[in-house]
């Protein structure tokens, strides 16, 4: 059992940046990405009944690429005589023709199909602060809100939804990373003491 898939994707990227001062950079980007499609191997004869319940005569032989458009605005700022570096960004992502695995659990096979769309929006904030020549503090906080924007069934006659419009994509909405490091000399060698903290809020 074998197959082939041929695609010629176009993945443009656009960017504009503005160096307002030697310490302040602002930017905006827009780009498109994709994930290559592929071939679905044949499924067993016992799968016929479940495929028929989906309104399908057979598994789809091929699935196409899915694509993502990503838009981002951000800034990079140096403060306090370059002791504090702050990076901020906000983004919006549109994901179309999502490659999703459809399980034929009655016969132990599965196939991939292009089903549905989703959006993702959020922001990131990170900072590094050289408090002294020996003590450095850093932190990052991020938020992401991702959800499916279409209700999708496994096939035209399927009685259940693979995903429902408004369902969240699994993942932690909030992430927090904090660290502190103190550098010192001991016995003529470099040493350091470091503390790290990570927190990921519960997702669906």
C-alpha atoms as a PDB file:
ATOM      1  CA  UNK A   1       0.000   0.000   0.000  1.00  0.00           C
ATOM      2  CA  UNK A   2       1.538   3.303  -1.049  1.00  0.00           C
ATOM      3  CA  UNK A   3       0.558   6.735  -2.320  1.00  0.00           C
ATOM      4  CA  UNK A   4       1.945  10.121  -3.240  1.00  0.00           C
ATOM      5  CA  UNK A   5       1.094  13.755  -2.624  1.00  0.00           C
ATOM      6  CA  UNK A   6       2.342  16.834  -4.461  1.00  0.00           C
ATOM      7  CA  UNK A   7       1.850  20.453  -3.399  1.00  0.00           C
ATOM      8  CA  UNK A   8       3.414  23.810  -4.240  1.00  0.00           C
ATOM      9  CA  UNK A   9       2.660  26.032  -1.252  1.00  0.00           C
ATOM     10  CA  UNK A  10       3.261  29.780  -1.167  1.00  0.00           C
ATOM     11  CA  UNK A  11       4.367  31.034   2.262  1.00  0.00           C
ATOM     12  CA  UNK A  12       4.807  34.820   2.207  1.00  0.00           C
ATOM     13  CA  UNK A  13       6.230  36.799   5.107  1.00  0.00           C
ATOM     14  CA  UNK A  14       6.004  40.544   5.654  1.00  0.00           C
ATOM     15  CA  UNK A  15       7.676  42.638   8.323  1.00  0.00           C
ATOM     16  CA  UNK A  16       8.095  46.269   9.266  1.00  0.00           C
ATOM     17  CA  UNK A  17      10.259  47.609  12.089  1.00  0.00           C
ATOM     18  CA  UNK A  18      10.886  51.085  13.459  1.00  0.00           C
ATOM     19  CA  UNK A  19      13.950  52.001  15.533  1.00  0.00           C
ATOM     20  CA  UNK A  20      12.439  54.931  17.420  1.00  0.00           C
ATOM     21  CA  UNK A  21      15.586  55.446  19.526  1.00  0.00           C
ATOM     22  CA  UNK A  22      18.806  53.442  19.941  1.00  0.00           C
ATOM     23  CA  UNK A  23      17.056  51.707  22.861  1.00  0.00           C
ATOM     24  CA  UNK A  24      13.524  51.274  21.484  1.00  0.00           C
ATOM     25  CA  UNK A  25      12.495  49.034  18.586  1.00  0.00           C
ATOM     26  CA  UNK A  26       8.900  48.475  17.439  1.00  0.00           C
ATOM     27  CA  UNK A  27       7.812  45.927  14.828  1.00  0.00           C
ATOM     28  CA  UNK A  28       4.882  44.272  13.071  1.00  0.00           C
ATOM     29  CA  UNK A  29       4.932  41.005  11.091  1.00  0.00           C
ATOM     30  CA  UNK A  30       2.553  38.857   9.060  1.00  0.00           C
ATOM     31  CA  UNK A  31       3.472  35.412   7.787  1.00  0.00           C
ATOM     32  CA  UNK A  32       1.936  32.240   6.430  1.00  0.00           C
ATOM     33  CA  UNK A  33       3.016  28.728   7.290  1.00  0.00           C
ATOM     34  CA  UNK A  34       1.842  25.272   6.326  1.00  0.00           C
ATOM     35  CA  UNK A  35       2.120  21.626   7.255  1.00  0.00           C
ATOM     36  CA  UNK A  36       2.542  19.240   4.351  1.00  0.00           C
ATOM     37  CA  UNK A  37      -0.301  16.888   3.435  1.00  0.00           C
ATOM     38  CA  UNK A  38      -0.009  13.164   2.970  1.00  0.00           C
ATOM     39  CA  UNK A  39      -1.486   9.780   2.081  1.00  0.00           C
ATOM     40  CA  UNK A  40      -3.876   7.694   4.178  1.00  0.00           C
ATOM     41  CA  UNK A  41      -3.068   3.965   4.089  1.00  0.00           C
ATOM     42  CA  UNK A  42      -5.934   1.615   3.345  1.00  0.00           C
ATOM     43  CA  UNK A  43      -8.072   0.519   6.251  1.00  0.00           C
ATOM     44  CA  UNK A  44      -9.337  -2.992   6.956  1.00  0.00           C
ATOM     45  CA  UNK A  45     -12.534  -4.423   5.496  1.00  0.00           C
ATOM     46  CA  UNK A  46     -14.201  -4.523   8.955  1.00  0.00           C
ATOM     47  CA  UNK A  47     -14.067  -0.700   8.948  1.00  0.00           C
ATOM     48  CA  UNK A  48     -16.742  -0.528   6.253  1.00  0.00           C
ATOM     49  CA  UNK A  49     -19.647  -0.352   8.670  1.00  0.00           C
ATOM     50  CA  UNK A  50     -18.196   2.531  10.677  1.00  0.00           C
ATOM     51  CA  UNK A  51     -17.175   4.406   7.523  1.00  0.00           C
ATOM     52  CA  UNK A  52     -20.737   3.986   6.248  1.00  0.00           C
ATOM     53  CA  UNK A  53     -22.053   5.441   9.523  1.00  0.00           C
ATOM     54  CA  UNK A  54     -19.991   8.550   8.713  1.00  0.00           C
ATOM     55  CA  UNK A  55     -21.439   8.663   5.187  1.00  0.00           C
ATOM     56  CA  UNK A  56     -18.143   7.541   3.631  1.00  0.00           C
ATOM     57  CA  UNK A  57     -17.563   4.690   1.196  1.00  0.00           C
ATOM     58  CA  UNK A  58     -13.841   4.573   2.031  1.00  0.00           C
ATOM     59  CA  UNK A  59     -11.218   6.569   3.924  1.00  0.00           C
ATOM     60  CA  UNK A  60     -10.051   9.688   2.038  1.00  0.00           C
ATOM     61  CA  UNK A  61      -7.000   8.573   0.074  1.00  0.00           C
ATOM     62  CA  UNK A  62      -5.152  11.851   0.642  1.00  0.00           C
ATOM     63  CA  UNK A  63      -5.254  14.849   2.923  1.00  0.00           C
ATOM     64  CA  UNK A  64      -3.986  18.308   2.016  1.00  0.00           C
ATOM     65  CA  UNK A  65      -1.751  20.722   3.860  1.00  0.00           C
ATOM     66  CA  UNK A  66      -3.199  22.878   6.581  1.00  0.00           C
ATOM     67  CA  UNK A  67      -2.150  26.521   6.783  1.00  0.00           C
ATOM     68  CA  UNK A  68      -1.589  29.205   9.383  1.00  0.00           C
ATOM     69  CA  UNK A  69      -1.613  32.982   9.034  1.00  0.00           C
ATOM     70  CA  UNK A  70       0.162  34.654  11.937  1.00  0.00           C
ATOM     71  CA  UNK A  71       0.087  38.372  12.799  1.00  0.00           C
ATOM     72  CA  UNK A  72       2.283  39.930  15.505  1.00  0.00           C
ATOM     73  CA  UNK A  73       3.098  43.357  16.902  1.00  0.00           C
ATOM     74  CA  UNK A  74       5.797  43.922  19.473  1.00  0.00           C
ATOM     75  CA  UNK A  75       8.513  46.045  20.986  1.00  0.00           C
ATOM     76  CA  UNK A  76      12.028  45.640  22.398  1.00  0.00           C
ATOM     77  CA  UNK A  77      13.028  48.307  24.913  1.00  0.00           C
ATOM     78  CA  UNK A  78      16.219  48.889  26.905  1.00  0.00           C
ATOM     79  CA  UNK A  79      15.800  50.894  30.117  1.00  0.00           C
ATOM     80  CA  UNK A  80      17.811  52.029  33.144  1.00  0.00           C
ATOM     81  CA  UNK A  81      21.042  52.459  31.218  1.00  0.00           C
ATOM     82  CA  UNK A  82      20.567  49.020  29.612  1.00  0.00           C
ATOM     83  CA  UNK A  83      20.235  47.219  32.930  1.00  0.00           C
ATOM     84  CA  UNK A  84      16.604  46.386  32.135  1.00  0.00           C
ATOM     85  CA  UNK A  85      15.574  44.765  28.831  1.00  0.00           C
ATOM     86  CA  UNK A  86      11.818  44.419  28.187  1.00  0.00           C
ATOM     87  CA  UNK A  87      10.280  42.530  25.255  1.00  0.00           C
ATOM     88  CA  UNK A  88       6.529  42.622  24.584  1.00  0.00           C
ATOM     89  CA  UNK A  89       4.404  41.131  21.817  1.00  0.00           C
ATOM     90  CA  UNK A  90       0.780  40.407  20.948  1.00  0.00           C
ATOM     91  CA  UNK A  91      -0.369  37.988  18.259  1.00  0.00           C
ATOM     92  CA  UNK A  92      -3.333  36.577  16.375  1.00  0.00           C
ATOM     93  CA  UNK A  93      -3.247  33.264  14.472  1.00  0.00           C
ATOM     94  CA  UNK A  94      -5.755  31.828  11.976  1.00  0.00           C
ATOM     95  CA  UNK A  95      -5.468  28.057  11.390  1.00  0.00           C
ATOM     96  CA  UNK A  96      -7.395  26.557   8.436  1.00  0.00           C
ATOM     97  CA  UNK A  97      -8.025  23.057   7.028  1.00  0.00           C
ATOM     98  CA  UNK A  98      -6.702  21.504  10.222  1.00  0.00           C
ATOM     99  CA  UNK A  99      -5.278  18.014   9.812  1.00  0.00           C
ATOM    100  CA  UNK A 100      -7.221  15.923  12.322  1.00  0.00           C
ATOM    101  CA  UNK A 101      -7.000  12.242  13.150  1.00  0.00           C
ATOM    102  CA  UNK A 102     -10.296  10.378  12.766  1.00  0.00           C
ATOM    103  CA  UNK A 103     -10.323   7.149  14.791  1.00  0.00           C
ATOM    104  CA  UNK A 104     -12.195   4.115  13.510  1.00  0.00           C
ATOM    105  CA  UNK A 105     -12.350   2.586  16.969  1.00  0.00           C
ATOM    106  CA  UNK A 106     -14.611  -0.278  15.921  1.00  0.00           C
ATOM    107  CA  UNK A 107     -11.883  -1.772  13.755  1.00  0.00           C
ATOM    108  CA  UNK A 108      -8.639  -0.309  15.145  1.00  0.00           C
ATOM    109  CA  UNK A 109      -7.737   1.905  12.161  1.00  0.00           C
ATOM    110  CA  UNK A 110      -7.697   5.666  11.628  1.00  0.00           C
ATOM    111  CA  UNK A 111      -7.179   8.267   8.935  1.00  0.00           C
ATOM    112  CA  UNK A 112      -6.288  11.952   8.666  1.00  0.00           C
ATOM    113  CA  UNK A 113      -8.672  14.491   7.148  1.00  0.00           C
ATOM    114  CA  UNK A 114      -8.726  18.276   6.694  1.00  0.00           C
ATOM    115  CA  UNK A 115     -11.430  19.284   9.128  1.00  0.00           C
ATOM    116  CA  UNK A 116     -12.216  22.619  10.700  1.00  0.00           C
ATOM    117  CA  UNK A 117     -10.516  25.861  11.616  1.00  0.00           C
ATOM    118  CA  UNK A 118      -9.290  27.581  14.761  1.00  0.00           C
ATOM    119  CA  UNK A 119      -7.984  30.901  16.017  1.00  0.00           C
ATOM    120  CA  UNK A 120      -5.416  31.746  18.648  1.00  0.00           C
ATOM    121  CA  UNK A 121      -4.724  35.108  20.285  1.00  0.00           C
ATOM    122  CA  UNK A 122      -2.458  36.139  23.119  1.00  0.00           C
ATOM    123  CA  UNK A 123       0.521  38.078  24.334  1.00  0.00           C
ATOM    124  CA  UNK A 124       4.009  37.595  25.781  1.00  0.00           C
ATOM    125  CA  UNK A 125       5.964  39.828  28.150  1.00  0.00           C
ATOM    126  CA  UNK A 126       9.533  39.121  29.219  1.00  0.00           C
ATOM    127  CA  UNK A 127      12.162  41.113  31.098  1.00  0.00           C
ATOM    128  CA  UNK A 128      15.770  40.743  32.240  1.00  0.00           C
ATOM    129  CA  UNK A 129      16.972  43.038  35.017  1.00  0.00           C
ATOM    130  CA  UNK A 130      20.643  43.286  36.006  1.00  0.00           C
ATOM    131  CA  UNK A 131      20.043  44.521  39.551  1.00  0.00           C
ATOM    132  CA  UNK A 132      23.783  44.586  40.265  1.00  0.00           C
ATOM    133  CA  UNK A 133      26.877  43.264  38.523  1.00  0.00           C
ATOM    134  CA  UNK A 134      26.250  39.982  40.343  1.00  0.00           C
ATOM    135  CA  UNK A 135      22.469  39.676  40.654  1.00  0.00           C
ATOM    136  CA  UNK A 136      20.198  39.142  37.632  1.00  0.00           C
ATOM    137  CA  UNK A 137      16.430  38.718  37.753  1.00  0.00           C
ATOM    138  CA  UNK A 138      14.321  37.586  34.804  1.00  0.00           C
ATOM    139  CA  UNK A 139      10.702  36.776  34.188  1.00  0.00           C
ATOM    140  CA  UNK A 140       8.218  35.997  31.461  1.00  0.00           C
ATOM    141  CA  UNK A 141       4.443  35.863  31.376  1.00  0.00           C
ATOM    142  CA  UNK A 142       2.286  34.650  28.512  1.00  0.00           C
ATOM    143  CA  UNK A 143      -1.399  34.275  27.783  1.00  0.00           C
ATOM    144  CA  UNK A 144      -3.021  32.281  24.988  1.00  0.00           C
ATOM    145  CA  UNK A 145      -6.703  31.874  24.096  1.00  0.00           C
ATOM    146  CA  UNK A 146      -7.220  29.237  21.383  1.00  0.00           C
ATOM    147  CA  UNK A 147     -10.521  27.789  20.180  1.00  0.00           C
ATOM    148  CA  UNK A 148     -12.103  25.984  17.258  1.00  0.00           C
ATOM    149  CA  UNK A 149     -14.273  28.212  15.060  1.00  0.00           C
ATOM    150  CA  UNK A 150     -16.205  25.475  13.235  1.00  0.00           C
ATOM    151  CA  UNK A 151     -18.186  22.434  14.293  1.00  0.00           C
ATOM    152  CA  UNK A 152     -16.743  19.379  12.568  1.00  0.00           C
ATOM    153  CA  UNK A 153     -18.093  15.853  12.127  1.00  0.00           C
ATOM    154  CA  UNK A 154     -16.126  12.817  11.019  1.00  0.00           C
ATOM    155  CA  UNK A 155     -18.247  12.579   7.853  1.00  0.00           C
ATOM    156  CA  UNK A 156     -21.483  13.836   6.286  1.00  0.00           C
ATOM    157  CA  UNK A 157     -23.609  11.280   8.146  1.00  0.00           C
ATOM    158  CA  UNK A 158     -21.663  11.151  11.446  1.00  0.00           C
ATOM    159  CA  UNK A 159     -23.822  11.537  14.547  1.00  0.00           C
ATOM    160  CA  UNK A 160     -21.133  13.020  16.796  1.00  0.00           C
ATOM    161  CA  UNK A 161     -18.789  16.008  16.579  1.00  0.00           C
ATOM    162  CA  UNK A 162     -15.024  15.669  16.385  1.00  0.00           C
ATOM    163  CA  UNK A 163     -14.926  19.238  17.688  1.00  0.00           C
ATOM    164  CA  UNK A 164     -17.624  21.802  18.397  1.00  0.00           C
ATOM    165  CA  UNK A 165     -17.400  25.491  17.599  1.00  0.00           C
ATOM    166  CA  UNK A 166     -16.127  27.272  20.697  1.00  0.00           C
ATOM    167  CA  UNK A 167     -14.211  24.256  22.064  1.00  0.00           C
ATOM    168  CA  UNK A 168     -10.858  25.314  23.468  1.00  0.00           C
ATOM    169  CA  UNK A 169      -7.690  23.782  22.085  1.00  0.00           C
ATOM    170  CA  UNK A 170      -5.942  21.908  24.928  1.00  0.00           C
ATOM    171  CA  UNK A 171      -3.147  23.839  26.604  1.00  0.00           C
ATOM    172  CA  UNK A 172      -2.410  26.126  29.535  1.00  0.00           C
ATOM    173  CA  UNK A 173      -3.852  29.628  28.982  1.00  0.00           C
ATOM    174  CA  UNK A 174      -1.379  31.299  31.361  1.00  0.00           C
ATOM    175  CA  UNK A 175       2.342  30.614  31.723  1.00  0.00           C
ATOM    176  CA  UNK A 176       4.717  32.285  34.174  1.00  0.00           C
ATOM    177  CA  UNK A 177       8.492  31.770  34.374  1.00  0.00           C
ATOM    178  CA  UNK A 178      10.616  33.550  36.996  1.00  0.00           C
ATOM    179  CA  UNK A 179      14.295  33.192  37.829  1.00  0.00           C
ATOM    180  CA  UNK A 180      17.067  34.837  39.800  1.00  0.00           C
ATOM    181  CA  UNK A 181      20.795  34.237  39.599  1.00  0.00           C
ATOM    182  CA  UNK A 182      23.632  35.461  41.806  1.00  0.00           C
ATOM    183  CA  UNK A 183      27.162  35.102  40.377  1.00  0.00           C
ATOM    184  CA  UNK A 184      30.248  35.028  42.601  1.00  0.00           C
ATOM    185  CA  UNK A 185      33.860  33.916  42.781  1.00  0.00           C
ATOM    186  CA  UNK A 186      34.910  31.059  45.031  1.00  0.00           C
ATOM    187  CA  UNK A 187      38.470  29.807  45.168  1.00  0.00           C
ATOM    188  CA  UNK A 188      39.272  31.798  42.042  1.00  0.00           C
ATOM    189  CA  UNK A 189      36.515  30.045  40.082  1.00  0.00           C
ATOM    190  CA  UNK A 190      33.157  31.288  38.865  1.00  0.00           C
ATOM    191  CA  UNK A 191      30.143  30.082  40.812  1.00  0.00           C
ATOM    192  CA  UNK A 192      26.501  30.955  40.971  1.00  0.00           C
ATOM    193  CA  UNK A 193      23.319  30.394  42.922  1.00  0.00           C
ATOM    194  CA  UNK A 194      20.095  30.195  40.921  1.00  0.00           C
ATOM    195  CA  UNK A 195      16.383  29.879  41.652  1.00  0.00           C
ATOM    196  CA  UNK A 196      13.711  29.090  39.030  1.00  0.00           C
ATOM    197  CA  UNK A 197       9.937  29.058  39.263  1.00  0.00           C
ATOM    198  CA  UNK A 198       7.425  27.954  36.627  1.00  0.00           C
ATOM    199  CA  UNK A 199       3.643  28.026  36.669  1.00  0.00           C
ATOM    200  CA  UNK A 200       1.214  26.820  33.994  1.00  0.00           C
ATOM    201  CA  UNK A 201      -2.465  27.391  34.655  1.00  0.00           C
ATOM    202  CA  UNK A 202      -4.846  24.493  34.105  1.00  0.00           C
ATOM    203  CA  UNK A 203      -6.288  24.169  30.608  1.00  0.00           C
ATOM    204  CA  UNK A 204      -9.333  22.254  29.363  1.00  0.00           C
END
